[in-house]
Amino acid sequence: MSSAQSPNTSNWPAEFAHELAVQKAKTAALELELVQLREQLKKHAGNESQLDLVSEEAIAESLRVAREMFGNEPSIEVLVDPEMPEFPFLVVTVKGAGTTAELLEKRLEWHRRVEPMFAGPFNYPRLSVVFD
């Protein structure tokens, strides 16, 4: 079976089929969010920007790592520093629980895992941890 084909779920327990449907819906929502991010980038930069060099796989992986590390669904948005509008950047926001030291260590670990997927410092996403 190719990756484009859906598995036959008719013999699966209901909870597995439900989980597959939930994951497909999350994937579709993420794909739509990525398209919207690209549109925001074009609006902010007017044309190609540094973030055009960022792969959708890198963005998806940075969200997956945040989800894995913090245990909740992250959000993502494009922000622009008015003093440097030619360098829009991604901000991943996630809720975090724990001490300040624990959250700082998780944040640093997230950056260590995610930054190698991005082409350079102007492309690195930022992580915003909101206390839960």
N, C-alpha and C. Protein backbone atom coordinates (compact mmCIF):
# COMPACT_ATOMS: atom_id res chain seq x y z
N MET A 1 0.85 -1.18 0.00
CA MET A 1 0.00 0.00 0.00
C MET A 1 0.89 1.23 0.00
N SER A 2 0.62 2.17 -0.88
CA SER A 2 1.39 3.41 -0.91
C SER A 2 0.95 4.33 0.21
N SER A 3 1.81 5.32 0.53
CA SER A 3 1.47 6.23 1.63
C SER A 3 0.27 7.11 1.30
N ALA A 4 -0.08 7.22 0.02
CA ALA A 4 -1.22 8.04 -0.36
C ALA A 4 -2.54 7.32 -0.13
N GLN A 5 -2.50 6.00 -0.01
CA GLN A 5 -3.72 5.25 0.20
C GLN A 5 -4.06 5.20 1.68
N SER A 6 -5.36 5.17 1.97
CA SER A 6 -5.81 5.04 3.35
C SER A 6 -5.95 3.57 3.68
N PRO A 7 -5.60 3.18 4.91
CA PRO A 7 -5.76 1.78 5.29
C PRO A 7 -7.23 1.43 5.42
N ASN A 8 -7.53 0.16 5.25
CA ASN A 8 -8.89 -0.32 5.44
C ASN A 8 -9.12 -0.45 6.94
N THR A 9 -9.98 0.40 7.48
CA THR A 9 -10.21 0.43 8.92
C THR A 9 -11.48 -0.30 9.33
N SER A 10 -12.13 -0.98 8.41
CA SER A 10 -13.41 -1.61 8.74
C SER A 10 -13.28 -2.69 9.81
N ASN A 11 -12.11 -3.34 9.92
CA ASN A 11 -11.93 -4.38 10.93
C ASN A 11 -11.23 -3.87 12.19
N TRP A 12 -10.94 -2.60 12.25
CA TRP A 12 -10.24 -2.04 13.41
C TRP A 12 -11.22 -1.81 14.55
N PRO A 13 -10.75 -1.87 15.78
CA PRO A 13 -11.60 -1.46 16.90
C PRO A 13 -11.97 0.01 16.73
N ALA A 14 -13.11 0.38 17.21
CA ALA A 14 -13.63 1.73 17.01
C ALA A 14 -12.66 2.81 17.50
N GLU A 15 -11.97 2.57 18.62
CA GLU A 15 -11.07 3.61 19.14
C GLU A 15 -9.88 3.85 18.22
N PHE A 16 -9.41 2.80 17.52
CA PHE A 16 -8.31 2.99 16.57
C PHE A 16 -8.77 3.79 15.35
N ALA A 17 -9.94 3.42 14.83
CA ALA A 17 -10.47 4.14 13.68
C ALA A 17 -10.73 5.60 14.04
N HIS A 18 -11.22 5.82 15.26
CA HIS A 18 -11.48 7.20 15.71
C HIS A 18 -10.16 7.97 15.82
N GLU A 19 -9.13 7.35 16.40
CA GLU A 19 -7.84 8.02 16.55
C GLU A 19 -7.24 8.35 15.18
N LEU A 20 -7.38 7.45 14.21
CA LEU A 20 -6.90 7.72 12.86
C LEU A 20 -7.63 8.93 12.27
N ALA A 21 -8.93 8.98 12.46
CA ALA A 21 -9.71 10.11 11.95
C ALA A 21 -9.28 11.41 12.62
N VAL A 22 -9.02 11.36 13.92
CA VAL A 22 -8.56 12.55 14.64
C VAL A 22 -7.21 13.01 14.10
N GLN A 23 -6.29 12.07 13.90
CA GLN A 23 -4.96 12.42 13.38
C GLN A 23 -5.04 12.99 11.96
N LYS A 24 -5.93 12.43 11.14
CA LYS A 24 -6.11 12.97 9.79
C LYS A 24 -6.64 14.40 9.84
N ALA A 25 -7.57 14.66 10.76
CA ALA A 25 -8.13 16.01 10.90
C ALA A 25 -7.04 16.99 11.37
N LYS A 26 -6.19 16.55 12.31
CA LYS A 26 -5.11 17.41 12.79
C LYS A 26 -4.12 17.69 11.66
N THR A 27 -3.83 16.68 10.85
CA THR A 27 -2.91 16.86 9.73
C THR A 27 -3.49 17.86 8.73
N ALA A 28 -4.76 17.73 8.42
CA ALA A 28 -5.41 18.65 7.49
C ALA A 28 -5.39 20.08 8.04
N ALA A 29 -5.64 20.21 9.34
CA ALA A 29 -5.63 21.54 9.96
C ALA A 29 -4.22 22.14 9.91
N LEU A 30 -3.21 21.32 10.14
CA LEU A 30 -1.82 21.80 10.07
C LEU A 30 -1.46 22.22 8.65
N GLU A 31 -1.88 21.44 7.66
CA GLU A 31 -1.60 21.80 6.27
C GLU A 31 -2.25 23.13 5.92
N LEU A 32 -3.49 23.36 6.38
CA LEU A 32 -4.15 24.63 6.14
C LEU A 32 -3.42 25.76 6.85
N GLU A 33 -2.97 25.51 8.08
CA GLU A 33 -2.23 26.52 8.82
C GLU A 33 -0.93 26.89 8.12
N LEU A 34 -0.26 25.91 7.52
CA LEU A 34 0.97 26.19 6.80
C LEU A 34 0.71 27.06 5.57
N VAL A 35 -0.36 26.80 4.87
CA VAL A 35 -0.73 27.63 3.72
C VAL A 35 -1.00 29.06 4.20
N GLN A 36 -1.71 29.19 5.31
CA GLN A 36 -2.00 30.53 5.84
C GLN A 36 -0.73 31.24 6.28
N LEU A 37 0.22 30.49 6.86
CA LEU A 37 1.50 31.10 7.24
C LEU A 37 2.24 31.64 6.03
N ARG A 38 2.25 30.86 4.95
CA ARG A 38 2.91 31.31 3.71
C ARG A 38 2.26 32.61 3.22
N GLU A 39 0.95 32.70 3.29
CA GLU A 39 0.26 33.91 2.86
C GLU A 39 0.63 35.10 3.76
N GLN A 40 0.73 34.86 5.08
CA GLN A 40 1.15 35.93 5.99
C GLN A 40 2.55 36.41 5.65
N LEU A 41 3.43 35.46 5.33
CA LEU A 41 4.80 35.84 4.97
C LEU A 41 4.82 36.73 3.75
N LYS A 42 4.04 36.38 2.75
CA LYS A 42 4.00 37.19 1.53
C LYS A 42 3.46 38.58 1.83
N LYS A 43 2.46 38.65 2.71
CA LYS A 43 1.88 39.95 3.07
C LYS A 43 2.91 40.81 3.78
N HIS A 44 3.65 40.22 4.73
CA HIS A 44 4.62 40.99 5.50
C HIS A 44 5.84 41.37 4.68
N ALA A 45 6.34 40.44 3.89
CA ALA A 45 7.60 40.67 3.18
C ALA A 45 7.39 41.25 1.79
N GLY A 46 6.18 41.16 1.27
CA GLY A 46 5.90 41.70 -0.06
C GLY A 46 6.31 40.76 -1.17
N ASN A 47 7.28 39.93 -0.94
CA ASN A 47 7.72 38.93 -1.93
C ASN A 47 8.44 37.82 -1.17
N GLU A 48 9.53 37.34 -1.72
CA GLU A 48 10.26 36.28 -1.03
C GLU A 48 10.90 36.82 0.23
N SER A 49 10.90 36.02 1.27
CA SER A 49 11.56 36.39 2.52
C SER A 49 12.45 35.23 2.94
N GLN A 50 13.18 35.44 4.01
CA GLN A 50 14.03 34.38 4.55
C GLN A 50 13.21 33.15 4.90
N LEU A 51 11.98 33.35 5.34
CA LEU A 51 11.16 32.20 5.74
C LEU A 51 10.68 31.38 4.55
N ASP A 52 10.79 31.92 3.35
CA ASP A 52 10.45 31.12 2.19
C ASP A 52 11.41 29.94 2.05
N LEU A 53 12.57 30.06 2.69
CA LEU A 53 13.56 28.99 2.64
C LEU A 53 13.25 27.87 3.63
N VAL A 54 12.30 28.09 4.53
CA VAL A 54 11.96 27.11 5.56
C VAL A 54 11.01 26.08 4.97
N SER A 55 11.36 24.82 5.15
CA SER A 55 10.51 23.76 4.61
C SER A 55 9.29 23.54 5.50
N GLU A 56 8.24 23.09 4.87
CA GLU A 56 7.03 22.75 5.63
C GLU A 56 7.31 21.60 6.59
N GLU A 57 8.22 20.72 6.20
CA GLU A 57 8.59 19.60 7.08
C GLU A 57 9.24 20.12 8.36
N ALA A 58 10.10 21.13 8.24
CA ALA A 58 10.75 21.70 9.42
C ALA A 58 9.73 22.36 10.34
N ILE A 59 8.77 23.05 9.76
CA ILE A 59 7.72 23.68 10.56
C ILE A 59 6.90 22.61 11.27
N ALA A 60 6.48 21.60 10.52
CA ALA A 60 5.68 20.52 11.11
C ALA A 60 6.45 19.81 12.22
N GLU A 61 7.75 19.59 12.00
CA GLU A 61 8.56 18.90 13.01
C GLU A 61 8.73 19.76 14.25
N SER A 62 8.87 21.09 14.08
CA SER A 62 9.01 21.95 15.26
C SER A 62 7.72 21.93 16.09
N LEU A 63 6.58 21.83 15.43
CA LEU A 63 5.31 21.71 16.15
C LEU A 63 5.20 20.35 16.83
N ARG A 64 5.65 19.30 16.15
CA ARG A 64 5.58 17.95 16.72
C ARG A 64 6.45 17.86 17.98
N VAL A 65 7.65 18.43 17.92
CA VAL A 65 8.56 18.41 19.07
C VAL A 65 7.94 19.18 20.23
N ALA A 66 7.36 20.33 19.96
CA ALA A 66 6.70 21.12 21.02
C ALA A 66 5.56 20.32 21.65
N ARG A 67 4.76 19.68 20.80
CA ARG A 67 3.63 18.86 21.28
C ARG A 67 4.15 17.72 22.16
N GLU A 68 5.21 17.07 21.72
CA GLU A 68 5.80 15.95 22.47
C GLU A 68 6.36 16.41 23.81
N MET A 69 7.06 17.52 23.82
CA MET A 69 7.74 17.98 25.03
C MET A 69 6.80 18.61 26.06
N PHE A 70 5.77 19.31 25.58
CA PHE A 70 4.91 20.05 26.50
C PHE A 70 3.54 19.41 26.70
N GLY A 71 3.20 18.41 25.88
CA GLY A 71 1.96 17.65 26.08
C GLY A 71 0.68 18.37 25.73
N ASN A 72 0.76 19.41 24.91
CA ASN A 72 -0.46 20.08 24.45
C ASN A 72 -0.24 20.61 23.04
N GLU A 73 -1.29 21.06 22.43
CA GLU A 73 -1.25 21.49 21.03
C GLU A 73 -0.67 22.90 20.93
N PRO A 74 0.47 23.06 20.25
CA PRO A 74 1.05 24.39 20.08
C PRO A 74 0.32 25.18 18.99
N SER A 75 0.49 26.48 19.05
CA SER A 75 0.01 27.33 17.95
C SER A 75 1.24 27.94 17.31
N ILE A 76 1.07 28.48 16.11
CA ILE A 76 2.19 29.08 15.40
C ILE A 76 1.70 30.32 14.66
N GLU A 77 2.54 31.33 14.62
CA GLU A 77 2.20 32.55 13.90
C GLU A 77 3.46 33.21 13.36
N VAL A 78 3.27 34.09 12.43
CA VAL A 78 4.38 34.86 11.86
C VAL A 78 4.36 36.25 12.49
N LEU A 79 5.51 36.67 12.99
CA LEU A 79 5.62 38.01 13.56
C LEU A 79 6.73 38.76 12.83
N VAL A 80 6.66 40.07 12.91
CA VAL A 80 7.64 40.93 12.25
C VAL A 80 8.06 42.02 13.22
N ASP A 81 9.37 42.20 13.35
CA ASP A 81 9.90 43.32 14.12
C ASP A 81 9.82 44.54 13.21
N PRO A 82 9.13 45.60 13.61
CA PRO A 82 8.99 46.78 12.74
C PRO A 82 10.33 47.38 12.31
N GLU A 83 11.37 47.16 13.12
CA GLU A 83 12.69 47.70 12.76
C GLU A 83 13.41 46.82 11.74
N MET A 84 12.94 45.59 11.56
CA MET A 84 13.56 44.67 10.60
C MET A 84 12.47 43.90 9.85
N PRO A 85 11.62 44.60 9.11
CA PRO A 85 10.48 43.92 8.46
C PRO A 85 10.89 42.90 7.40
N GLU A 86 12.13 42.97 6.95
CA GLU A 86 12.59 42.02 5.93
C GLU A 86 12.88 40.64 6.53
N PHE A 87 12.80 40.53 7.87
CA PHE A 87 13.09 39.27 8.54
C PHE A 87 11.91 38.82 9.40
N PRO A 88 10.79 38.43 8.79
CA PRO A 88 9.69 37.89 9.59
C PRO A 88 10.15 36.58 10.24
N PHE A 89 9.53 36.22 11.34
CA PHE A 89 9.94 35.00 12.03
C PHE A 89 8.72 34.27 12.56
N LEU A 90 8.92 32.98 12.78
CA LEU A 90 7.86 32.12 13.30
C LEU A 90 7.94 32.09 14.82
N VAL A 91 6.77 32.11 15.45
CA VAL A 91 6.69 31.96 16.90
C VAL A 91 5.76 30.78 17.18
N VAL A 92 6.30 29.79 17.88
CA VAL A 92 5.53 28.64 18.32
C VAL A 92 5.17 28.91 19.78
N THR A 93 3.88 28.88 20.09
CA THR A 93 3.42 29.13 21.45
C THR A 93 2.83 27.85 22.01
N VAL A 94 3.21 27.54 23.25
CA VAL A 94 2.77 26.31 23.89
C VAL A 94 2.55 26.60 25.37
N LYS A 95 1.61 25.89 25.99
CA LYS A 95 1.40 26.02 27.43
C LYS A 95 2.38 25.12 28.15
N GLY A 96 2.90 25.60 29.27
CA GLY A 96 3.85 24.83 30.04
C GLY A 96 3.53 24.85 31.51
N ALA A 97 3.81 23.74 32.18
CA ALA A 97 3.61 23.65 33.62
C ALA A 97 4.93 23.20 34.24
N GLY A 98 5.20 23.69 35.44
CA GLY A 98 6.43 23.33 36.14
C GLY A 98 7.10 24.57 36.69
N THR A 99 8.28 24.35 37.23
CA THR A 99 9.04 25.48 37.76
C THR A 99 9.65 26.27 36.60
N THR A 100 10.08 27.46 36.91
CA THR A 100 10.74 28.28 35.89
C THR A 100 11.97 27.57 35.35
N ALA A 101 12.74 26.95 36.24
CA ALA A 101 13.95 26.24 35.81
C ALA A 101 13.60 25.06 34.89
N GLU A 102 12.55 24.32 35.22
CA GLU A 102 12.14 23.19 34.38
C GLU A 102 11.69 23.65 33.01
N LEU A 103 10.91 24.73 32.97
CA LEU A 103 10.43 25.25 31.69
C LEU A 103 11.57 25.82 30.86
N LEU A 104 12.53 26.46 31.51
CA LEU A 104 13.69 26.99 30.79
C LEU A 104 14.48 25.84 30.18
N GLU A 105 14.68 24.77 30.93
CA GLU A 105 15.42 23.63 30.40
C GLU A 105 14.67 23.00 29.23
N LYS A 106 13.34 22.88 29.31
CA LYS A 106 12.55 22.34 28.19
C LYS A 106 12.66 23.25 26.98
N ARG A 107 12.61 24.55 27.22
CA ARG A 107 12.71 25.52 26.11
C ARG A 107 14.06 25.39 25.41
N LEU A 108 15.14 25.30 26.19
CA LEU A 108 16.46 25.14 25.61
C LEU A 108 16.58 23.83 24.85
N GLU A 109 16.00 22.76 25.39
CA GLU A 109 16.03 21.46 24.71
C GLU A 109 15.25 21.54 23.39
N TRP A 110 14.11 22.23 23.40
CA TRP A 110 13.32 22.40 22.16
C TRP A 110 14.19 23.07 21.10
N HIS A 111 14.88 24.14 21.48
CA HIS A 111 15.74 24.85 20.52
C HIS A 111 16.87 23.95 20.02
N ARG A 112 17.49 23.17 20.91
CA ARG A 112 18.56 22.26 20.49
C ARG A 112 18.05 21.25 19.46
N ARG A 113 16.82 20.79 19.63
CA ARG A 113 16.28 19.77 18.72
C ARG A 113 15.77 20.37 17.42
N VAL A 114 15.29 21.60 17.45
CA VAL A 114 14.62 22.20 16.29
C VAL A 114 15.56 23.00 15.39
N GLU A 115 16.45 23.76 15.95
CA GLU A 115 17.27 24.68 15.16
C GLU A 115 18.07 24.02 14.04
N PRO A 116 18.58 22.79 14.20
CA PRO A 116 19.32 22.19 13.09
C PRO A 116 18.49 22.00 11.81
N MET A 117 17.18 22.04 11.91
CA MET A 117 16.33 21.85 10.73
C MET A 117 16.16 23.14 9.94
N PHE A 118 16.62 24.26 10.49
CA PHE A 118 16.43 25.56 9.86
C PHE A 118 17.76 26.08 9.33
N ALA A 119 17.70 26.89 8.27
CA ALA A 119 18.89 27.27 7.50
C ALA A 119 19.80 28.28 8.19
N GLY A 120 19.33 29.04 9.12
CA GLY A 120 20.19 30.05 9.73
C GLY A 120 19.45 30.84 10.78
N PRO A 121 20.15 31.72 11.47
CA PRO A 121 19.54 32.41 12.61
C PRO A 121 18.32 33.25 12.26
N PHE A 122 18.23 33.75 11.03
CA PHE A 122 17.05 34.52 10.67
C PHE A 122 15.85 33.62 10.42
N ASN A 123 16.09 32.33 10.28
CA ASN A 123 15.01 31.39 10.04
C ASN A 123 14.58 30.63 11.29
N TYR A 124 15.37 30.68 12.35
CA TYR A 124 15.03 29.93 13.56
C TYR A 124 13.68 30.38 14.11
N PRO A 125 12.84 29.45 14.46
CA PRO A 125 11.59 29.84 15.11
C PRO A 125 11.85 30.21 16.57
N ARG A 126 10.96 30.96 17.13
CA ARG A 126 11.03 31.29 18.55
C ARG A 126 9.99 30.45 19.27
N LEU A 127 10.26 30.11 20.53
CA LEU A 127 9.32 29.36 21.34
C LEU A 127 8.84 30.25 22.47
N SER A 128 7.54 30.41 22.56
CA SER A 128 6.93 31.16 23.65
C SER A 128 6.20 30.17 24.53
N VAL A 129 6.60 30.09 25.80
CA VAL A 129 5.97 29.19 26.76
C VAL A 129 5.07 30.02 27.66
N VAL A 130 3.78 29.72 27.63
CA VAL A 130 2.79 30.40 28.44
C VAL A 130 2.53 29.54 29.66
N PHE A 131 2.64 30.11 30.85
CA PHE A 131 2.40 29.33 32.06
C PHE A 131 0.96 28.84 32.09
N ASP A 132 0.82 27.57 32.38
CA ASP A 132 -0.51 26.94 32.43
C ASP A 132 -1.09 27.07 33.81
